[in-house]
Amino acid sequence: MDKNSNSFQNWLFKAQNDLKAAEGIFGYYEHPPTDTICYHCHQVAEKSLKSYLLFKEIKFHKIHDLIVLLNLSLTRDESLNILRENLEVLNQYYIETKYPLDMPIQYSKEESKSAIGKAKLVLQTIKEKIELTD
């Protein structure tokens, strides 16, 4: 992966769009679909981490587990471990929110707002890491 390529930038762009979607849905509806918001927050984190991995030329398989992606990122920058707790929370929103379950999961509006905050922090941290090493 050539650092001059815009591939990692494309992943960041998609992460930013997922954040806009989560925030827009949250702000638009009086009773927003919190599962959809939380799913988008997971996507923000996943795409941010994949952007970092591409920037650092670290190979990864097609995977959605945020902790696996974080652990790969830690091989280049151990300070990213500050994201672990946020990523552990966001990690639960991938399968639980993407597919129908026998017992549908509804998250509170407060929890979805918290997920947005966690996703923002992950995205901002990754953007700073890329800008600092660029």
Protein backbone atom coordinates (compact mmCIF):
# COMPACT_ATOMS: atom_id res chain seq x y z
CA MET A 1 0.00 0.00 0.00
CA ASP A 2 1.52 3.29 -1.13
CA LYS A 3 1.11 6.04 1.46
CA ASN A 4 0.63 8.49 -1.38
CA SER A 5 -2.46 6.56 -2.38
CA ASN A 6 -5.76 8.00 -1.26
CA SER A 7 -7.05 4.61 -0.10
CA PHE A 8 -6.61 5.38 3.60
CA GLN A 9 -8.22 8.78 2.98
CA ASN A 10 -11.21 7.07 1.38
CA TRP A 11 -11.70 4.98 4.53
CA LEU A 12 -11.55 8.13 6.67
CA PHE A 13 -14.08 9.81 4.40
CA LYS A 14 -16.47 6.88 4.81
CA ALA A 15 -15.94 6.92 8.59
CA GLN A 16 -16.82 10.62 8.65
CA ASN A 17 -19.97 9.93 6.63
CA ASP A 18 -21.03 7.22 9.08
CA LEU A 19 -20.57 9.70 11.92
CA LYS A 20 -22.68 12.28 10.05
CA ALA A 21 -25.37 9.65 9.52
CA ALA A 22 -25.43 8.68 13.22
CA GLU A 23 -25.57 12.31 14.34
CA GLY A 24 -28.18 13.20 11.73
CA ILE A 25 -30.47 10.32 12.64
CA PHE A 26 -30.07 11.09 16.34
CA GLY A 27 -30.93 14.74 15.86
CA TYR A 28 -33.76 14.30 13.38
CA TYR A 29 -36.09 11.93 15.18
CA GLU A 30 -37.79 12.38 18.51
CA HIS A 31 -37.55 8.60 18.95
CA PRO A 32 -34.59 7.67 16.76
CA PRO A 33 -33.74 4.12 15.68
CA THR A 34 -31.02 3.69 18.27
CA ASP A 35 -29.86 0.34 16.90
CA THR A 36 -29.10 2.01 13.55
CA ILE A 37 -27.23 4.84 15.27
CA CYS A 38 -25.13 2.37 17.24
CA TYR A 39 -24.41 0.36 14.09
CA HIS A 40 -23.12 3.49 12.34
CA CYS A 41 -20.94 4.22 15.38
CA HIS A 42 -19.36 0.78 15.08
CA GLN A 43 -18.73 1.53 11.42
CA VAL A 44 -17.02 4.83 12.28
CA ALA A 45 -14.57 2.98 14.51
CA GLU A 46 -14.01 0.12 12.09
CA LYS A 47 -13.33 2.36 9.11
CA SER A 48 -11.11 4.66 11.17
CA LEU A 49 -8.96 1.75 12.33
CA LYS A 50 -8.75 0.31 8.83
CA SER A 51 -7.67 3.70 7.55
CA TYR A 52 -4.86 3.73 10.11
CA LEU A 53 -3.81 0.21 9.19
CA LEU A 54 -3.70 1.11 5.50
CA PHE A 55 -1.72 4.27 6.25
CA LYS A 56 0.80 2.25 8.26
CA GLU A 57 0.85 -0.47 5.59
CA ILE A 58 -0.32 -3.15 8.01
CA LYS A 59 -2.14 -6.00 6.31
CA PHE A 60 -5.45 -7.14 7.69
CA HIS A 61 -8.10 -9.64 6.72
CA LYS A 62 -11.72 -8.82 6.05
CA ILE A 63 -12.81 -8.50 9.66
CA HIS A 64 -15.18 -6.38 11.70
CA ASP A 65 -13.86 -7.06 15.21
CA LEU A 66 -12.63 -3.73 16.55
CA ILE A 67 -10.36 -5.31 19.15
CA VAL A 68 -8.54 -7.38 16.54
CA LEU A 69 -8.10 -4.22 14.44
CA LEU A 70 -6.88 -2.31 17.51
CA ASN A 71 -4.38 -5.04 18.37
CA LEU A 72 -2.97 -4.85 14.84
CA SER A 73 -2.71 -1.05 15.20
CA LEU A 74 -0.89 -1.41 18.50
CA THR A 75 2.03 -3.03 16.68
CA ARG A 76 2.85 0.47 15.39
CA ASP A 77 1.56 2.72 18.15
CA GLU A 78 0.89 1.44 21.66
CA SER A 79 -0.69 4.76 22.67
CA LEU A 80 -3.78 3.75 20.68
CA ASN A 81 -4.58 1.42 23.56
CA ILE A 82 -6.37 4.42 25.15
CA LEU A 83 -9.20 3.61 22.72
CA ARG A 84 -9.67 0.05 24.01
CA GLU A 85 -12.57 0.69 26.40
CA ASN A 86 -14.49 2.70 23.81
CA LEU A 87 -13.84 0.07 21.16
CA GLU A 88 -15.01 -2.72 23.47
CA VAL A 89 -18.34 -0.93 23.85
CA LEU A 90 -18.67 -0.13 20.14
CA ASN A 91 -17.68 -3.68 19.18
CA GLN A 92 -20.96 -5.07 20.51
CA TYR A 93 -22.96 -3.01 18.03
CA TYR A 94 -21.91 -4.87 14.90
CA ILE A 95 -23.86 -8.14 14.91
CA GLU A 96 -26.48 -7.11 17.46
CA THR A 97 -27.61 -4.15 15.38
CA LYS A 98 -27.09 -5.44 11.87
CA TYR A 99 -29.33 -8.48 11.82
CA PRO A 100 -32.73 -9.27 13.30
CA LEU A 101 -32.55 -11.31 16.45
CA ASP A 102 -35.15 -13.41 18.23
CA MET A 103 -35.33 -10.66 20.82
CA PRO A 104 -34.69 -7.28 19.14
CA ILE A 105 -32.32 -5.08 21.07
CA GLN A 106 -33.29 -1.49 21.73
CA TYR A 107 -30.70 0.86 23.10
CA SER A 108 -31.66 3.93 25.06
CA LYS A 109 -31.33 7.33 23.51
CA GLU A 110 -28.63 8.08 26.10
CA GLU A 111 -26.66 4.98 25.10
CA SER A 112 -26.81 5.88 21.43
CA LYS A 113 -25.64 9.42 22.26
CA SER A 114 -22.77 7.92 24.23
CA ALA A 115 -21.90 5.69 21.26
CA ILE A 116 -21.69 8.79 19.07
CA GLY A 117 -19.24 10.33 21.53
CA LYS A 118 -17.10 7.18 21.56
CA ALA A 119 -17.10 7.01 17.75
CA LYS A 120 -16.10 10.69 17.51
CA LEU A 121 -13.20 10.09 19.88
CA VAL A 122 -11.94 7.12 17.87
CA LEU A 123 -12.18 9.01 14.57
CA GLN A 124 -10.47 12.12 15.97
CA THR A 125 -7.67 10.10 17.56
CA ILE A 126 -6.96 8.23 14.33
CA LYS A 127 -7.05 11.42 12.27
CA GLU A 128 -4.53 13.00 14.65
CA LYS A 129 -2.25 9.96 14.44
CA ILE A 130 -2.30 10.04 10.66
CA GLU A 131 -1.68 13.80 10.53
CA LEU A 132 1.18 13.56 13.01
CA THR A 133 2.95 10.85 11.01
CA ASP A 134 2.07 12.15 7.56
